[in-house]
Every structure is written in C-alpha cells, then in structure tokens.
Protein backbone atom coordinates (compact mmCIF):
# COMPACT_ATOMS: atom_id res chain seq x y z
CA MET A 1 116.49 -38.75 59.23
CA ARG A 2 117.19 -37.17 55.90
CA ARG A 3 118.17 -33.90 56.93
CA LYS A 4 121.08 -34.71 58.64
CA GLU A 5 121.91 -30.85 59.74
CA PHE A 6 119.06 -31.27 62.10
CA VAL A 7 120.28 -34.53 63.95
CA VAL A 8 120.88 -33.11 67.57
CA GLU A 9 122.81 -36.24 69.22
CA ASP A 10 123.90 -34.65 72.59
CA ALA A 11 122.50 -36.34 75.15
CA THR A 12 122.79 -33.62 77.47
CA GLU A 13 120.66 -31.43 75.05
CA ILE A 14 118.30 -33.89 74.43
CA GLU A 15 117.52 -34.56 78.38
CA GLN A 16 117.20 -31.03 79.00
CA PHE A 17 114.29 -30.35 75.99
CA LEU A 18 112.59 -33.67 77.81
CA GLY A 19 113.30 -32.10 81.55
CA GLU A 20 111.81 -29.14 80.21
CA MET A 21 108.36 -30.66 78.26
CA SER A 22 105.74 -32.60 80.30
CA PHE A 23 103.19 -33.76 77.53
CA GLY A 24 103.87 -36.00 74.99
CA PHE A 25 102.20 -38.58 72.49
CA LEU A 26 102.15 -42.39 72.58
CA THR A 27 101.95 -44.41 69.53
CA GLN A 28 101.07 -48.18 70.12
CA ASN A 29 99.66 -50.75 67.17
CA ARG A 30 96.16 -51.34 67.27
CA GLY A 31 94.80 -53.29 63.83
CA GLU A 32 95.60 -51.02 60.72
CA VAL A 33 95.14 -48.08 62.65
CA PRO A 34 97.79 -47.00 65.57
CA ALA A 35 96.28 -45.69 68.48
CA ILE A 36 97.73 -42.39 70.06
CA THR A 37 97.51 -41.50 73.21
CA PRO A 38 98.29 -37.94 74.96
CA LEU A 39 100.27 -38.02 78.25
CA ASN A 40 102.08 -36.71 81.23
CA TYR A 41 105.24 -38.23 81.30
CA VAL A 42 108.87 -38.12 83.67
CA VAL A 43 112.14 -39.61 81.95
CA TYR A 44 113.47 -41.96 85.35
CA ARG A 45 116.53 -43.32 84.89
CA GLY A 46 116.49 -43.09 81.27
CA ASP A 47 113.19 -43.94 80.00
CA ILE A 48 110.08 -42.21 79.30
CA CYS A 49 107.12 -43.24 82.34
CA PHE A 50 103.92 -42.41 82.64
CA HIS A 51 101.10 -43.51 84.75
CA GLY A 52 97.38 -44.25 84.67
CA SER A 53 94.29 -46.20 85.08
CA ARG A 54 94.43 -50.03 85.58
CA VAL A 55 92.18 -50.18 83.04
CA GLY A 56 91.51 -48.83 79.10
CA GLU A 57 92.81 -48.91 76.17
CA LYS A 58 96.49 -48.04 77.13
CA MET A 59 96.59 -51.06 79.30
CA GLN A 60 94.61 -52.99 76.80
CA LEU A 61 97.30 -52.32 73.76
CA LEU A 62 99.69 -53.08 76.53
CA LYS A 63 99.14 -56.54 76.98
CA ALA A 64 98.16 -57.13 73.45
CA GLY A 65 101.67 -56.19 72.38
CA THR A 66 104.80 -53.78 73.74
CA ALA A 67 106.41 -51.69 71.28
CA ALA A 68 105.54 -48.84 71.20
CA ALA A 69 106.99 -44.97 70.27
CA PHE A 70 106.57 -41.62 71.91
CA CYS A 71 107.28 -38.03 70.91
CA VAL A 72 107.72 -34.63 72.21
CA ALA A 73 107.52 -31.68 70.30
CA ARG A 74 107.22 -28.02 70.81
CA GLU A 75 107.02 -25.45 67.87
CA VAL A 76 109.10 -22.37 69.17
CA SER A 77 108.30 -19.87 66.02
CA ILE A 78 106.73 -19.73 63.02
CA ILE A 79 108.70 -18.80 60.05
CA PRO A 80 106.65 -16.49 57.13
CA SER A 81 107.72 -16.90 53.56
CA PHE A 82 108.74 -13.33 53.77
CA PHE A 83 111.22 -13.80 56.26
CA SER A 84 113.75 -15.11 53.95
CA GLY A 85 112.56 -12.94 50.60
CA ALA A 86 110.53 -14.84 49.30
CA GLU A 87 107.56 -14.06 46.82
CA ILE A 88 106.22 -17.61 46.85
CA ALA A 89 104.40 -19.76 49.63
CA CYS A 90 107.06 -22.27 49.64
CA PRO A 91 109.60 -21.40 51.87
CA ALA A 92 107.18 -20.66 54.87
CA THR A 93 108.58 -23.20 57.33
CA ALA A 94 108.61 -23.80 61.91
CA PHE A 95 111.83 -23.82 63.93
CA PHE A 96 111.09 -26.80 66.37
CA LYS A 97 112.48 -29.01 68.88
CA SER A 98 111.40 -32.58 68.23
CA VAL A 99 111.93 -35.73 70.45
CA VAL A 100 111.54 -39.33 69.34
CA ILE A 101 111.84 -42.56 71.37
CA ARG A 102 110.93 -45.95 70.10
CA GLY A 103 111.19 -48.88 72.57
CA SER A 104 109.18 -51.38 74.53
CA LEU A 105 106.56 -51.14 77.39
CA GLU A 106 106.49 -52.73 80.32
CA GLU A 107 104.29 -52.31 83.59
CA VAL A 108 106.37 -51.07 86.66
CA THR A 109 104.88 -54.00 89.26
CA ASP A 110 107.56 -52.89 92.25
CA LEU A 111 105.39 -50.87 95.02
CA GLN A 112 108.75 -48.67 95.98
CA GLU A 113 109.92 -48.20 92.02
CA LYS A 114 106.59 -47.42 91.36
CA CYS A 115 106.48 -44.73 94.43
CA ASP A 116 109.71 -43.77 92.96
CA ILE A 117 108.39 -42.70 90.01
CA LEU A 118 105.66 -40.51 90.99
CA THR A 119 107.59 -39.06 93.09
CA ALA A 120 109.92 -37.72 90.21
CA LEU A 121 106.90 -36.79 88.03
CA MET A 122 104.80 -34.93 90.82
CA GLU A 123 108.13 -32.91 91.34
CA LYS A 124 108.39 -32.42 87.89
CA LEU A 125 104.49 -31.28 87.70
CA GLN A 126 104.28 -29.67 90.66
CA PRO A 127 107.67 -28.18 91.27
CA GLU A 128 106.35 -25.83 94.26
CA GLY A 129 105.12 -29.48 96.03
CA ARG A 130 102.54 -28.30 98.80
CA TYR A 131 101.78 -32.08 99.05
CA ALA A 132 102.69 -34.80 101.37
CA PRO A 133 105.62 -36.86 99.79
CA PHE A 134 105.00 -40.87 98.52
CA ASP A 135 104.98 -42.45 101.41
CA LEU A 136 104.25 -46.30 101.36
CA GLU A 137 103.54 -46.65 104.85
CA ASP A 138 100.38 -43.91 104.93
CA PRO A 139 97.67 -46.05 104.18
CA GLU A 140 96.50 -44.21 101.35
CA TYR A 141 99.34 -43.63 99.44
CA LEU A 142 99.66 -47.34 99.65
CA LYS A 143 96.21 -48.19 98.56
CA ASN A 144 96.73 -45.44 95.93
CA VAL A 145 99.88 -46.41 94.93
CA LYS A 146 98.71 -50.09 94.21
CA GLY A 147 95.85 -49.04 92.55
CA VAL A 148 97.47 -46.96 89.75
CA SER A 149 98.87 -48.42 86.47
CA VAL A 150 102.68 -46.95 86.37
CA VAL A 151 104.45 -47.91 82.77
CA ARG A 152 107.47 -47.67 81.61
CA LEU A 153 109.04 -47.30 77.90
CA LYS A 154 112.35 -48.86 77.51
CA THR A 155 114.67 -46.82 75.18
CA GLN A 156 116.11 -48.99 72.43
CA GLU A 157 116.46 -46.09 69.60
CA ARG A 158 116.18 -42.27 70.38
CA THR A 159 116.34 -39.22 67.81
CA ALA A 160 116.02 -35.85 67.92
CA LYS A 161 115.41 -32.89 65.69
CA PHE A 162 115.66 -28.88 66.30
CA LYS A 163 115.36 -26.75 63.34
CA PHE A 164 116.68 -24.00 63.24
CA GLY A 165 117.82 -22.61 59.70
CA GLN A 166 120.56 -24.84 59.67
CA ASN A 167 119.77 -25.73 56.05
CA GLN A 168 119.43 -21.87 54.74
CA THR A 169 122.02 -19.84 52.79
CA ARG A 170 124.13 -17.14 54.64
CA THR A 171 122.07 -14.64 53.21
CA LYS A 172 118.81 -16.33 54.28
CA TRP A 173 119.80 -17.33 57.62
CA GLN A 174 120.83 -13.28 58.15
CA GLN A 175 117.22 -12.34 56.73
CA ILE A 176 115.39 -14.47 59.38
CA LEU A 177 117.49 -14.07 62.06
CA ASP A 178 116.92 -10.13 61.44
CA ASN A 179 113.14 -10.51 61.18
CA LEU A 180 112.72 -13.11 63.95
CA LEU A 181 114.62 -10.04 66.25
CA ARG A 182 112.54 -7.47 64.61
CA ARG A 183 109.34 -8.75 65.15
CA GLY A 184 110.29 -9.50 68.81
CA ARG A 185 108.04 -11.67 70.00
CA PRO A 186 109.70 -14.16 73.14
CA SER A 187 109.47 -17.03 71.06
CA ASP A 188 111.08 -15.13 68.35
CA LEU A 189 113.95 -14.35 70.32
CA GLU A 190 114.05 -17.74 71.66
CA ALA A 191 114.30 -18.93 67.64
CA ALA A 192 117.01 -15.89 67.08
CA SER A 193 119.25 -17.50 70.05
CA GLU A 194 118.71 -21.19 69.10
CA MET A 195 119.63 -19.96 65.66
CA LYS A 196 122.91 -18.15 66.82
CA LYS A 197 123.68 -21.07 68.74
CA ARG A 198 123.67 -24.02 65.56
CA CYS A 199 124.31 -21.60 62.92
CA PRO A 200 125.98 -23.33 60.13
CA PHE A 201 128.09 -20.56 59.26
CA HIS A 202 130.76 -20.43 62.51
C-alpha cells in the first residue's frame, strides 16, 4: 500500500470492523472481465464465509478456479475541500475504513460445519434471535442445510486501510477536526473521534 500512514495492522481492530459490517464484495476471475458479487458474510475461524444457491455464477466460478478477493468498506464522512482551508477542489476527500482479503475459495461440505457457519451468520444478521436454532436432527433444517451452498474464503493475505487525516499537516488536521465538530452529523462526530485516535502528532 502506497500510503503507509493509513495501514492498520492491529488484528483486533480489523476483526472488530469486519464484525460490525455485514456486507462486502467478492471478486473472481471471469476471463477478461472479473466477476463481482455483493453478499452478506460472517467471519468464521478467521475466514470469510457466505452462503448461497448451489447453482449460479458464484458456484460456476468456484468450480472454474478458486482464487478470489473480498472487500469490505465503509465511508464514514465526506471531507469537503474547504474543510482544510483550500480554495481549489483537489483536497476534497472521504474518511473511511476498508479491508481487502485475498485467498482461495472452497466449498464447505461437512454438514455440522455448514450448520455452525450458518448459525454464526444468523447470530450476526439476526441478533435478536426469534428463530429455532439450527439442528441437524430437525428434518426441515437438515434438508435446508444439505440444499444450501456454504463457501469459505481461506485467508492468505489481509490488508486494512483506515483513512482519517493521518497525512495532514498539524494546521490542516486541526481545521478538518474543527469543521467536522462544527458540522456535527453523527458520522462527523465518529470521524472526529477516529481522527483523535489516530492523530499523527502525539
């Protein structure tokens, strides 16, 4: 990554972000044009896992080749150029968090492991519960677990980029912080908190 000041290597922080988010984009090779698939996911034992139909493009591509990448990103706040005192448009930017995971795809075939991954996915997407727990002794669940495809992206490389003004001079950093607090949207207050947390002038 070119801008080293934005790199995040703390595993706990990366995993917290991945746990907070529920949606990402899977990329796979498809001839000259890569395939991109938006999907819900869960991190299970350090790997990205998702489910879907046993037929369709994802599974066709999985059979054709296993190399893939997955991206999760969240734009926290737009930073107008005038926030840093600029009169031209070029300094306009956004503060964000992003994680890119590269690895190889494999279909999960063990029924109990599929059940465990689907349980983790439901706990993430429906934390209020109000559904019968997955149970392979339940004929309806057994049929559904057998009928759904569960895929794991085995992590080979993981990079994270969290941009919150770490590349600014002290003066411009303070101007941006003051303007975020003045504008005062919830996302601005979050961005301001991240700026303080990652302040390059400590």
